[in-house]
Amino acid sequence: QMYEGIDRVTPLIREAVEQTRGEVLTY
């Protein structure tokens, strides 16, 4: 996956990550 550090991380992205913290998809 493309990973170029945190320069582009926005408050909305932080919120999305925090609201789904730890959630993963399984089958």
mmCIF file of all heavy atoms, coordinates in Angstrom:
data_MODEL
# 
_entry.id   MODEL 
# 
loop_
_atom_site.group_PDB 
_atom_site.id 
_atom_site.type_symbol 
_atom_site.label_atom_id 
_atom_site.label_alt_id 
_atom_site.label_comp_id 
_atom_site.label_asym_id 
_atom_site.label_entity_id 
_atom_site.label_seq_id 
_atom_site.pdbx_PDB_ins_code 
_atom_site.Cartn_x 
_atom_site.Cartn_y 
_atom_site.Cartn_z 
_atom_site.occupancy 
_atom_site.B_iso_or_equiv 
_atom_site.pdbx_formal_charge 
_atom_site.auth_seq_id 
_atom_site.auth_comp_id 
_atom_site.auth_asym_id 
_atom_site.auth_atom_id 
_atom_site.pdbx_PDB_model_num 
ATOM 1   N N   . GLN A 1 1  ? 0.860   -1.180  0.000  1.00 0.00 ? 1  GLN A N   1 
ATOM 2   C CA  . GLN A 1 1  ? 0.000   0.000   0.000  1.00 0.00 ? 1  GLN A CA  1 
ATOM 3   C C   . GLN A 1 1  ? 0.897   1.232   0.000  1.00 0.00 ? 1  GLN A C   1 
ATOM 4   O O   . GLN A 1 1  ? 1.980   1.224   0.585  1.00 0.00 ? 1  GLN A O   1 
ATOM 5   C CB  . GLN A 1 1  ? -0.925  0.024   1.223  1.00 0.00 ? 1  GLN A CB  1 
ATOM 6   C CG  . GLN A 1 1  ? -1.913  -1.139  1.236  1.00 0.00 ? 1  GLN A CG  1 
ATOM 7   C CD  . GLN A 1 1  ? -2.870  -1.079  2.414  1.00 0.00 ? 1  GLN A CD  1 
ATOM 8   O OE1 . GLN A 1 1  ? -4.040  -0.780  2.265  1.00 0.00 ? 1  GLN A OE1 1 
ATOM 9   N NE2 . GLN A 1 1  ? -2.378  -1.390  3.583  1.00 0.00 ? 1  GLN A NE2 1 
ATOM 10  N N   . MET A 1 2  ? 0.422   2.298   -0.633 1.00 0.00 ? 2  MET A N   1 
ATOM 11  C CA  . MET A 1 2  ? 1.206   3.519   -0.702 1.00 0.00 ? 2  MET A CA  1 
ATOM 12  C C   . MET A 1 2  ? 1.275   4.166   0.678  1.00 0.00 ? 2  MET A C   1 
ATOM 13  O O   . MET A 1 2  ? 0.248   4.429   1.306  1.00 0.00 ? 2  MET A O   1 
ATOM 14  C CB  . MET A 1 2  ? 0.601   4.491   -1.711 1.00 0.00 ? 2  MET A CB  1 
ATOM 15  C CG  . MET A 1 2  ? 0.672   4.023   -3.148 1.00 0.00 ? 2  MET A CG  1 
ATOM 16  S SD  . MET A 1 2  ? 2.360   3.797   -3.751 1.00 0.00 ? 2  MET A SD  1 
ATOM 17  C CE  . MET A 1 2  ? 2.972   5.484   -3.697 1.00 0.00 ? 2  MET A CE  1 
ATOM 18  N N   . TYR A 1 3  ? 2.502   4.409   1.144  1.00 0.00 ? 3  TYR A N   1 
ATOM 19  C CA  . TYR A 1 3  ? 2.721   4.971   2.475  1.00 0.00 ? 3  TYR A CA  1 
ATOM 20  C C   . TYR A 1 3  ? 3.801   6.033   2.360  1.00 0.00 ? 3  TYR A C   1 
ATOM 21  O O   . TYR A 1 3  ? 4.951   5.732   2.057  1.00 0.00 ? 3  TYR A O   1 
ATOM 22  C CB  . TYR A 1 3  ? 3.158   3.860   3.432  1.00 0.00 ? 3  TYR A CB  1 
ATOM 23  C CG  . TYR A 1 3  ? 3.578   4.328   4.816  1.00 0.00 ? 3  TYR A CG  1 
ATOM 24  C CD1 . TYR A 1 3  ? 2.669   4.925   5.681  1.00 0.00 ? 3  TYR A CD1 1 
ATOM 25  C CD2 . TYR A 1 3  ? 4.887   4.140   5.259  1.00 0.00 ? 3  TYR A CD2 1 
ATOM 26  C CE1 . TYR A 1 3  ? 3.052   5.336   6.946  1.00 0.00 ? 3  TYR A CE1 1 
ATOM 27  C CE2 . TYR A 1 3  ? 5.274   4.547   6.528  1.00 0.00 ? 3  TYR A CE2 1 
ATOM 28  C CZ  . TYR A 1 3  ? 4.357   5.145   7.371  1.00 0.00 ? 3  TYR A CZ  1 
ATOM 29  O OH  . TYR A 1 3  ? 4.741   5.549   8.624  1.00 0.00 ? 3  TYR A OH  1 
ATOM 30  N N   . GLU A 1 4  ? 3.413   7.279   2.556  1.00 0.00 ? 4  GLU A N   1 
ATOM 31  C CA  . GLU A 1 4  ? 4.349   8.396   2.432  1.00 0.00 ? 4  GLU A CA  1 
ATOM 32  C C   . GLU A 1 4  ? 4.265   9.302   3.646  1.00 0.00 ? 4  GLU A C   1 
ATOM 33  O O   . GLU A 1 4  ? 4.319   10.522  3.548  1.00 0.00 ? 4  GLU A O   1 
ATOM 34  C CB  . GLU A 1 4  ? 4.067   9.186   1.149  1.00 0.00 ? 4  GLU A CB  1 
ATOM 35  C CG  . GLU A 1 4  ? 4.363   8.390   -0.123 1.00 0.00 ? 4  GLU A CG  1 
ATOM 36  C CD  . GLU A 1 4  ? 4.050   9.144   -1.397 1.00 0.00 ? 4  GLU A CD  1 
ATOM 37  O OE1 . GLU A 1 4  ? 3.331   10.174  -1.310 1.00 0.00 ? 4  GLU A OE1 1 
ATOM 38  O OE2 . GLU A 1 4  ? 4.502   8.712   -2.469 1.00 0.00 ? 4  GLU A OE2 1 
ATOM 39  N N   . GLY A 1 5  ? 4.130   8.685   4.818  1.00 0.00 ? 5  GLY A N   1 
ATOM 40  C CA  . GLY A 1 5  ? 4.121   9.453   6.042  1.00 0.00 ? 5  GLY A CA  1 
ATOM 41  C C   . GLY A 1 5  ? 2.801   10.156  6.299  1.00 0.00 ? 5  GLY A C   1 
ATOM 42  O O   . GLY A 1 5  ? 1.771   9.861   5.672  1.00 0.00 ? 5  GLY A O   1 
ATOM 43  N N   . ILE A 1 6  ? 2.820   11.117  7.216  1.00 0.00 ? 6  ILE A N   1 
ATOM 44  C CA  . ILE A 1 6  ? 1.594   11.694  7.762  1.00 0.00 ? 6  ILE A CA  1 
ATOM 45  C C   . ILE A 1 6  ? 1.328   13.122  7.285  1.00 0.00 ? 6  ILE A C   1 
ATOM 46  O O   . ILE A 1 6  ? 0.398   13.766  7.774  1.00 0.00 ? 6  ILE A O   1 
ATOM 47  C CB  . ILE A 1 6  ? 1.634   11.678  9.298  1.00 0.00 ? 6  ILE A CB  1 
ATOM 48  C CG1 . ILE A 1 6  ? 2.861   12.468  9.817  1.00 0.00 ? 6  ILE A CG1 1 
ATOM 49  C CG2 . ILE A 1 6  ? 1.647   10.244  9.818  1.00 0.00 ? 6  ILE A CG2 1 
ATOM 50  C CD1 . ILE A 1 6  ? 2.895   12.622  11.319 1.00 0.00 ? 6  ILE A CD1 1 
ATOM 51  N N   . ASP A 1 7  ? 2.101   13.617  6.324  1.00 0.00 ? 7  ASP A N   1 
ATOM 52  C CA  . ASP A 1 7  ? 1.929   15.009  5.900  1.00 0.00 ? 7  ASP A CA  1 
ATOM 53  C C   . ASP A 1 7  ? 0.529   15.301  5.368  1.00 0.00 ? 7  ASP A C   1 
ATOM 54  O O   . ASP A 1 7  ? 0.034   16.419  5.503  1.00 0.00 ? 7  ASP A O   1 
ATOM 55  C CB  . ASP A 1 7  ? 2.970   15.369  4.833  1.00 0.00 ? 7  ASP A CB  1 
ATOM 56  C CG  . ASP A 1 7  ? 4.390   15.288  5.370  1.00 0.00 ? 7  ASP A CG  1 
ATOM 57  O OD1 . ASP A 1 7  ? 4.758   16.155  6.168  1.00 0.00 ? 7  ASP A OD1 1 
ATOM 58  O OD2 . ASP A 1 7  ? 5.113   14.342  5.002  1.00 0.00 ? 7  ASP A OD2 1 
ATOM 59  N N   . ARG A 1 8  ? -0.109  14.303  4.730  1.00 0.00 ? 8  ARG A N   1 
ATOM 60  C CA  . ARG A 1 8  ? -1.422  14.530  4.123  1.00 0.00 ? 8  ARG A CA  1 
ATOM 61  C C   . ARG A 1 8  ? -2.583  14.175  5.048  1.00 0.00 ? 8  ARG A C   1 
ATOM 62  O O   . ARG A 1 8  ? -3.746  14.293  4.655  1.00 0.00 ? 8  ARG A O   1 
ATOM 63  C CB  . ARG A 1 8  ? -1.555  13.715  2.844  1.00 0.00 ? 8  ARG A CB  1 
ATOM 64  C CG  . ARG A 1 8  ? -0.465  13.974  1.813  1.00 0.00 ? 8  ARG A CG  1 
ATOM 65  C CD  . ARG A 1 8  ? -0.745  13.189  0.546  1.00 0.00 ? 8  ARG A CD  1 
ATOM 66  N NE  . ARG A 1 8  ? 0.383   13.203  -0.366 1.00 0.00 ? 8  ARG A NE  1 
ATOM 67  C CZ  . ARG A 1 8  ? 0.367   12.712  -1.602 1.00 0.00 ? 8  ARG A CZ  1 
ATOM 68  N NH1 . ARG A 1 8  ? -0.743  12.176  -2.068 1.00 0.00 ? 8  ARG A NH1 1 
ATOM 69  N NH2 . ARG A 1 8  ? 1.433   12.753  -2.366 1.00 0.00 ? 8  ARG A NH2 1 
ATOM 70  N N   . VAL A 1 9  ? -2.292  13.713  6.240  1.00 0.00 ? 9  VAL A N   1 
ATOM 71  C CA  . VAL A 1 9  ? -3.366  13.292  7.147  1.00 0.00 ? 9  VAL A CA  1 
ATOM 72  C C   . VAL A 1 9  ? -4.146  14.516  7.618  1.00 0.00 ? 9  VAL A C   1 
ATOM 73  O O   . VAL A 1 9  ? -3.575  15.485  8.122  1.00 0.00 ? 9  VAL A O   1 
ATOM 74  C CB  . VAL A 1 9  ? -2.790  12.514  8.344  1.00 0.00 ? 9  VAL A CB  1 
ATOM 75  C CG1 . VAL A 1 9  ? -3.896  12.208  9.360  1.00 0.00 ? 9  VAL A CG1 1 
ATOM 76  C CG2 . VAL A 1 9  ? -2.133  11.225  7.868  1.00 0.00 ? 9  VAL A CG2 1 
ATOM 77  N N   . THR A 1 10 ? -5.470  14.453  7.459  1.00 0.00 ? 10 THR A N   1 
ATOM 78  C CA  . THR A 1 10 ? -6.362  15.557  7.822  1.00 0.00 ? 10 THR A CA  1 
ATOM 79  C C   . THR A 1 10 ? -7.143  15.215  9.086  1.00 0.00 ? 10 THR A C   1 
ATOM 80  O O   . THR A 1 10 ? -7.207  14.054  9.503  1.00 0.00 ? 10 THR A O   1 
ATOM 81  C CB  . THR A 1 10 ? -7.348  15.832  6.684  1.00 0.00 ? 10 THR A CB  1 
ATOM 82  O OG1 . THR A 1 10 ? -8.191  14.660  6.530  1.00 0.00 ? 10 THR A OG1 1 
ATOM 83  C CG2 . THR A 1 10 ? -6.623  16.109  5.373  1.00 0.00 ? 10 THR A CG2 1 
ATOM 84  N N   . PRO A 1 11 ? -7.775  16.199  9.701  1.00 0.00 ? 11 PRO A N   1 
ATOM 85  C CA  . PRO A 1 11 ? -8.644  15.899  10.856 1.00 0.00 ? 11 PRO A CA  1 
ATOM 86  C C   . PRO A 1 11 ? -9.742  14.903  10.511 1.00 0.00 ? 11 PRO A C   1 
ATOM 87  O O   . PRO A 1 11 ? -10.094 14.053  11.347 1.00 0.00 ? 11 PRO A O   1 
ATOM 88  C CB  . PRO A 1 11 ? -9.218  17.271  11.227 1.00 0.00 ? 11 PRO A CB  1 
ATOM 89  C CG  . PRO A 1 11 ? -8.165  18.248  10.785 1.00 0.00 ? 11 PRO A CG  1 
ATOM 90  C CD  . PRO A 1 11 ? -7.609  17.669  9.523  1.00 0.00 ? 11 PRO A CD  1 
ATOM 91  N N   . LEU A 1 12 ? -10.304 14.973  9.303  1.00 0.00 ? 12 LEU A N   1 
ATOM 92  C CA  . LEU A 1 12 ? -11.344 14.019  8.918  1.00 0.00 ? 12 LEU A CA  1 
ATOM 93  C C   . LEU A 1 12 ? -10.784 12.598  8.865  1.00 0.00 ? 12 LEU A C   1 
ATOM 94  O O   . LEU A 1 12 ? -11.444 11.643  9.293  1.00 0.00 ? 12 LEU A O   1 
ATOM 95  C CB  . LEU A 1 12 ? -11.947 14.401  7.568  1.00 0.00 ? 12 LEU A CB  1 
ATOM 96  C CG  . LEU A 1 12 ? -13.082 13.493  7.077  1.00 0.00 ? 12 LEU A CG  1 
ATOM 97  C CD1 . LEU A 1 12 ? -14.200 14.323  6.460  1.00 0.00 ? 12 LEU A CD1 1 
ATOM 98  C CD2 . LEU A 1 12 ? -12.571 12.472  6.056  1.00 0.00 ? 12 LEU A CD2 1 
ATOM 99  N N   . ILE A 1 13 ? -9.578  12.442  8.349  1.00 0.00 ? 13 ILE A N   1 
ATOM 100 C CA  . ILE A 1 13 ? -8.964  11.112  8.300  1.00 0.00 ? 13 ILE A CA  1 
ATOM 101 C C   . ILE A 1 13 ? -8.713  10.596  9.711  1.00 0.00 ? 13 ILE A C   1 
ATOM 102 O O   . ILE A 1 13 ? -8.985  9.426   10.020 1.00 0.00 ? 13 ILE A O   1 
ATOM 103 C CB  . ILE A 1 13 ? -7.676  11.162  7.469  1.00 0.00 ? 13 ILE A CB  1 
ATOM 104 C CG1 . ILE A 1 13 ? -8.027  11.265  5.984  1.00 0.00 ? 13 ILE A CG1 1 
ATOM 105 C CG2 . ILE A 1 13 ? -6.802  9.924   7.723  1.00 0.00 ? 13 ILE A CG2 1 
ATOM 106 C CD1 . ILE A 1 13 ? -6.844  11.483  5.074  1.00 0.00 ? 13 ILE A CD1 1 
ATOM 107 N N   . ARG A 1 14 ? -8.211  11.453  10.585 1.00 0.00 ? 14 ARG A N   1 
ATOM 108 C CA  . ARG A 1 14 ? -8.009  11.046  11.981 1.00 0.00 ? 14 ARG A CA  1 
ATOM 109 C C   . ARG A 1 14 ? -9.319  10.597  12.607 1.00 0.00 ? 14 ARG A C   1 
ATOM 110 O O   . ARG A 1 14 ? -9.374  9.609   13.343 1.00 0.00 ? 14 ARG A O   1 
ATOM 111 C CB  . ARG A 1 14 ? -7.415  12.201  12.777 1.00 0.00 ? 14 ARG A CB  1 
ATOM 112 C CG  . ARG A 1 14 ? -5.966  12.519  12.451 1.00 0.00 ? 14 ARG A CG  1 
ATOM 113 C CD  . ARG A 1 14 ? -5.030  11.432  12.913 1.00 0.00 ? 14 ARG A CD  1 
ATOM 114 N NE  . ARG A 1 14 ? -3.628  11.794  12.708 1.00 0.00 ? 14 ARG A NE  1 
ATOM 115 C CZ  . ARG A 1 14 ? -2.635  10.931  12.758 1.00 0.00 ? 14 ARG A CZ  1 
ATOM 116 N NH1 . ARG A 1 14 ? -2.879  9.655   13.028 1.00 0.00 ? 14 ARG A NH1 1 
ATOM 117 N NH2 . ARG A 1 14 ? -1.404  11.322  12.557 1.00 0.00 ? 14 ARG A NH2 1 
ATOM 118 N N   . GLU A 1 15 ? -10.397 11.329  12.321 1.00 0.00 ? 15 GLU A N   1 
ATOM 119 C CA  . GLU A 1 15 ? -11.705 10.977  12.873 1.00 0.00 ? 15 GLU A CA  1 
ATOM 120 C C   . GLU A 1 15 ? -12.176 9.629   12.332 1.00 0.00 ? 15 GLU A C   1 
ATOM 121 O O   . GLU A 1 15 ? -12.697 8.795   13.089 1.00 0.00 ? 15 GLU A O   1 
ATOM 122 C CB  . GLU A 1 15 ? -12.725 12.065  12.545 1.00 0.00 ? 15 GLU A CB  1 
ATOM 123 C CG  . GLU A 1 15 ? -14.105 11.805  13.119 1.00 0.00 ? 15 GLU A CG  1 
ATOM 124 C CD  . GLU A 1 15 ? -15.099 12.896  12.791 1.00 0.00 ? 15 GLU A CD  1 
ATOM 125 O OE1 . GLU A 1 15 ? -14.717 13.873  12.101 1.00 0.00 ? 15 GLU A OE1 1 
ATOM 126 O OE2 . GLU A 1 15 ? -16.266 12.771  13.206 1.00 0.00 ? 15 GLU A OE2 1 
ATOM 127 N N   . ALA A 1 16 ? -11.996 9.396   11.027 1.00 0.00 ? 16 ALA A N   1 
ATOM 128 C CA  . ALA A 1 16 ? -12.417 8.128   10.427 1.00 0.00 ? 16 ALA A CA  1 
ATOM 129 C C   . ALA A 1 16 ? -11.657 6.954   11.023 1.00 0.00 ? 16 ALA A C   1 
ATOM 130 O O   . ALA A 1 16 ? -12.233 5.893   11.303 1.00 0.00 ? 16 ALA A O   1 
ATOM 131 C CB  . ALA A 1 16 ? -12.211 8.184   8.918  1.00 0.00 ? 16 ALA A CB  1 
ATOM 132 N N   . VAL A 1 17 ? -10.367 7.125   11.233 1.00 0.00 ? 17 VAL A N   1 
ATOM 133 C CA  . VAL A 1 17 ? -9.552  6.057   11.821 1.00 0.00 ? 17 VAL A CA  1 
ATOM 134 C C   . VAL A 1 17 ? -9.955  5.821   13.267 1.00 0.00 ? 17 VAL A C   1 
ATOM 135 O O   . VAL A 1 17 ? -10.090 4.677   13.714 1.00 0.00 ? 17 VAL A O   1 
ATOM 136 C CB  . VAL A 1 17 ? -8.053  6.407   11.711 1.00 0.00 ? 17 VAL A CB  1 
ATOM 137 C CG1 . VAL A 1 17 ? -7.201  5.404   12.492 1.00 0.00 ? 17 VAL A CG1 1 
ATOM 138 C CG2 . VAL A 1 17 ? -7.618  6.435   10.253 1.00 0.00 ? 17 VAL A CG2 1 
ATOM 139 N N   . GLU A 1 18 ? -10.184 6.903   14.008 1.00 0.00 ? 18 GLU A N   1 
ATOM 140 C CA  . GLU A 1 18 ? -10.544 6.764   15.416 1.00 0.00 ? 18 GLU A CA  1 
ATOM 141 C C   . GLU A 1 18 ? -11.919 6.122   15.573 1.00 0.00 ? 18 GLU A C   1 
ATOM 142 O O   . GLU A 1 18 ? -12.108 5.271   16.450 1.00 0.00 ? 18 GLU A O   1 
ATOM 143 C CB  . GLU A 1 18 ? -10.512 8.134   16.099 1.00 0.00 ? 18 GLU A CB  1 
ATOM 144 C CG  . GLU A 1 18 ? -10.740 8.083   17.597 1.00 0.00 ? 18 GLU A CG  1 
ATOM 145 C CD  . GLU A 1 18 ? -9.702  7.234   18.319 1.00 0.00 ? 18 GLU A CD  1 
ATOM 146 O OE1 . GLU A 1 18 ? -8.525  7.211   17.893 1.00 0.00 ? 18 GLU A OE1 1 
ATOM 147 O OE2 . GLU A 1 18 ? -10.082 6.577   19.325 1.00 0.00 ? 18 GLU A OE2 1 
ATOM 148 N N   . GLN A 1 19 ? -12.873 6.502   14.732 1.00 0.00 ? 19 GLN A N   1 
ATOM 149 C CA  . GLN A 1 19 ? -14.221 5.936   14.861 1.00 0.00 ? 19 GLN A CA  1 
ATOM 150 C C   . GLN A 1 19 ? -14.278 4.467   14.459 1.00 0.00 ? 19 GLN A C   1 
ATOM 151 O O   . GLN A 1 19 ? -15.225 3.759   14.833 1.00 0.00 ? 19 GLN A O   1 
ATOM 152 C CB  . GLN A 1 19 ? -15.208 6.749   14.020 1.00 0.00 ? 19 GLN A CB  1 
ATOM 153 C CG  . GLN A 1 19 ? -15.513 8.116   14.585 1.00 0.00 ? 19 GLN A CG  1 
ATOM 154 C CD  . GLN A 1 19 ? -16.700 8.780   13.910 1.00 0.00 ? 19 GLN A CD  1 
ATOM 155 O OE1 . GLN A 1 19 ? -17.516 8.119   13.265 1.00 0.00 ? 19 GLN A OE1 1 
ATOM 156 N NE2 . GLN A 1 19 ? -16.822 10.093  14.076 1.00 0.00 ? 19 GLN A NE2 1 
ATOM 157 N N   . THR A 1 20 ? -13.314 3.993   13.697 1.00 0.00 ? 20 THR A N   1 
ATOM 158 C CA  . THR A 1 20 ? -13.277 2.569   13.306 1.00 0.00 ? 20 THR A CA  1 
ATOM 159 C C   . THR A 1 20 ? -12.106 1.851   13.954 1.00 0.00 ? 20 THR A C   1 
ATOM 160 O O   . THR A 1 20 ? -11.741 0.753   13.522 1.00 0.00 ? 20 THR A O   1 
ATOM 161 C CB  . THR A 1 20 ? -13.156 2.435   11.783 1.00 0.00 ? 20 THR A CB  1 
ATOM 162 O OG1 . THR A 1 20 ? -11.899 3.004   11.348 1.00 0.00 ? 20 THR A OG1 1 
ATOM 163 C CG2 . THR A 1 20 ? -14.294 3.117   11.062 1.00 0.00 ? 20 THR A CG2 1 
ATOM 164 N N   . ARG A 1 21 ? -11.506 2.447   14.955 1.00 0.00 ? 21 ARG A N   1 
ATOM 165 C CA  . ARG A 1 21 ? -10.285 1.901   15.550 1.00 0.00 ? 21 ARG A CA  1 
ATOM 166 C C   . ARG A 1 21 ? -10.422 0.407   15.830 1.00 0.00 ? 21 ARG A C   1 
ATOM 167 O O   . ARG A 1 21 ? -11.351 -0.032  16.502 1.00 0.00 ? 21 ARG A O   1 
ATOM 168 C CB  . ARG A 1 21 ? -9.954  2.637   16.847 1.00 0.00 ? 21 ARG A CB  1 
ATOM 169 C CG  . ARG A 1 21 ? -8.748  2.090   17.609 1.00 0.00 ? 21 ARG A CG  1 
ATOM 170 C CD  . ARG A 1 21 ? -8.398  2.951   18.800 1.00 0.00 ? 21 ARG A CD  1 
ATOM 171 N NE  . ARG A 1 21 ? -7.830  4.216   18.377 1.00 0.00 ? 21 ARG A NE  1 
ATOM 172 C CZ  . ARG A 1 21 ? -6.527  4.411   18.165 1.00 0.00 ? 21 ARG A CZ  1 
ATOM 173 N NH1 . ARG A 1 21 ? -5.675  3.405   18.328 1.00 0.00 ? 21 ARG A NH1 1 
ATOM 174 N NH2 . ARG A 1 21 ? -6.082  5.588   17.782 1.00 0.00 ? 21 ARG A NH2 1 
ATOM 175 N N   . GLY A 1 22 ? -9.499  -0.372  15.302 1.00 0.00 ? 22 GLY A N   1 
ATOM 176 C CA  . GLY A 1 22 ? -9.465  -1.798  15.571 1.00 0.00 ? 22 GLY A CA  1 
ATOM 177 C C   . GLY A 1 22 ? -10.415 -2.648  14.750 1.00 0.00 ? 22 GLY A C   1 
ATOM 178 O O   . GLY A 1 22 ? -10.379 -3.875  14.853 1.00 0.00 ? 22 GLY A O   1 
ATOM 179 N N   . GLU A 1 23 ? -11.264 -2.049  13.917 1.00 0.00 ? 23 GLU A N   1 
ATOM 180 C CA  . GLU A 1 23 ? -12.244 -2.848  13.182 1.00 0.00 ? 23 GLU A CA  1 
ATOM 181 C C   . GLU A 1 23 ? -11.622 -3.451  11.926 1.00 0.00 ? 23 GLU A C   1 
ATOM 182 O O   . GLU A 1 23 ? -10.919 -2.768  11.162 1.00 0.00 ? 23 GLU A O   1 
ATOM 183 C CB  . GLU A 1 23 ? -13.451 -1.996  12.801 1.00 0.00 ? 23 GLU A CB  1 
ATOM 184 C CG  . GLU A 1 23 ? -14.268 -1.561  14.006 1.00 0.00 ? 23 GLU A CG  1 
ATOM 185 C CD  . GLU A 1 23 ? -15.481 -0.746  13.614 1.00 0.00 ? 23 GLU A CD  1 
ATOM 186 O OE1 . GLU A 1 23 ? -15.917 -0.814  12.442 1.00 0.00 ? 23 GLU A OE1 1 
ATOM 187 O OE2 . GLU A 1 23 ? -15.993 -0.022  14.485 1.00 0.00 ? 23 GLU A OE2 1 
ATOM 188 N N   . VAL A 1 24 ? -11.890 -4.739  11.721 1.00 0.00 ? 24 VAL A N   1 
ATOM 189 C CA  . VAL A 1 24 ? -11.389 -5.464  10.552 1.00 0.00 ? 24 VAL A CA  1 
ATOM 190 C C   . VAL A 1 24 ? -12.506 -6.312  9.969  1.00 0.00 ? 24 VAL A C   1 
ATOM 191 O O   . VAL A 1 24 ? -13.499 -6.618  10.641 1.00 0.00 ? 24 VAL A O   1 
ATOM 192 C CB  . VAL A 1 24 ? -10.185 -6.367  10.905 1.00 0.00 ? 24 VAL A CB  1 
ATOM 193 C CG1 . VAL A 1 24 ? -8.974  -5.536  11.302 1.00 0.00 ? 24 VAL A CG1 1 
ATOM 194 C CG2 . VAL A 1 24 ? -10.547 -7.362  12.013 1.00 0.00 ? 24 VAL A CG2 1 
ATOM 195 N N   . LEU A 1 25 ? -12.354 -6.711  8.721  1.00 0.00 ? 25 LEU A N   1 
ATOM 196 C CA  . LEU A 1 25 ? -13.330 -7.555  8.025  1.00 0.00 ? 25 LEU A CA  1 
ATOM 197 C C   . LEU A 1 25 ? -12.851 -9.002  7.998  1.00 0.00 ? 25 LEU A C   1 
ATOM 198 O O   . LEU A 1 25 ? -11.675 -9.271  7.728  1.00 0.00 ? 25 LEU A O   1 
ATOM 199 C CB  . LEU A 1 25 ? -13.527 -7.060  6.595  1.00 0.00 ? 25 LEU A CB  1 
ATOM 200 C CG  . LEU A 1 25 ? -14.291 -5.749  6.431  1.00 0.00 ? 25 LEU A CG  1 
ATOM 201 C CD1 . LEU A 1 25 ? -14.055 -5.174  5.040  1.00 0.00 ? 25 LEU A CD1 1 
ATOM 202 C CD2 . LEU A 1 25 ? -15.774 -5.956  6.686  1.00 0.00 ? 25 LEU A CD2 1 
ATOM 203 N N   . THR A 1 26 ? -13.768 -9.916  8.267  1.00 0.00 ? 26 THR A N   1 
ATOM 204 C CA  . THR A 1 26 ? -13.423 -11.336 8.242  1.00 0.00 ? 26 THR A CA  1 
ATOM 205 C C   . THR A 1 26 ? -14.472 -12.109 7.445  1.00 0.00 ? 26 THR A C   1 
ATOM 206 O O   . THR A 1 26 ? -15.602 -11.657 7.238  1.00 0.00 ? 26 THR A O   1 
ATOM 207 C CB  . THR A 1 26 ? -13.364 -11.922 9.660  1.00 0.00 ? 26 THR A CB  1 
ATOM 208 O OG1 . THR A 1 26 ? -14.695 -11.971 10.202 1.00 0.00 ? 26 THR A OG1 1 
ATOM 209 C CG2 . THR A 1 26 ? -12.475 -11.091 10.574 1.00 0.00 ? 26 THR A CG2 1 
ATOM 210 N N   . TYR A 1 27 ? -14.064 -13.297 7.023  1.00 0.00 ? 27 TYR A N   1 
ATOM 211 C CA  . TYR A 1 27 ? -14.998 -14.252 6.434  1.00 0.00 ? 27 TYR A CA  1 
ATOM 212 C C   . TYR A 1 27 ? -14.660 -15.616 7.016  1.00 0.00 ? 27 TYR A C   1 
ATOM 213 O O   . TYR A 1 27 ? -13.503 -16.058 6.953  1.00 0.00 ? 27 TYR A O   1 
ATOM 214 C CB  . TYR A 1 27 ? -14.884 -14.284 4.914  1.00 0.00 ? 27 TYR A CB  1 
ATOM 215 C CG  . TYR A 1 27 ? -15.888 -15.209 4.257  1.00 0.00 ? 27 TYR A CG  1 
ATOM 216 C CD1 . TYR A 1 27 ? -17.206 -14.804 4.060  1.00 0.00 ? 27 TYR A CD1 1 
ATOM 217 C CD2 . TYR A 1 27 ? -15.531 -16.496 3.867  1.00 0.00 ? 27 TYR A CD2 1 
ATOM 218 C CE1 . TYR A 1 27 ? -18.133 -15.641 3.491  1.00 0.00 ? 27 TYR A CE1 1 
ATOM 219 C CE2 . TYR A 1 27 ? -16.461 -17.352 3.284  1.00 0.00 ? 27 TYR A CE2 1 
ATOM 220 C CZ  . TYR A 1 27 ? -17.764 -16.921 3.103  1.00 0.00 ? 27 TYR A CZ  1 
ATOM 221 O OH  . TYR A 1 27 ? -18.684 -17.776 2.532  1.00 0.00 ? 27 TYR A OH  1 
# 
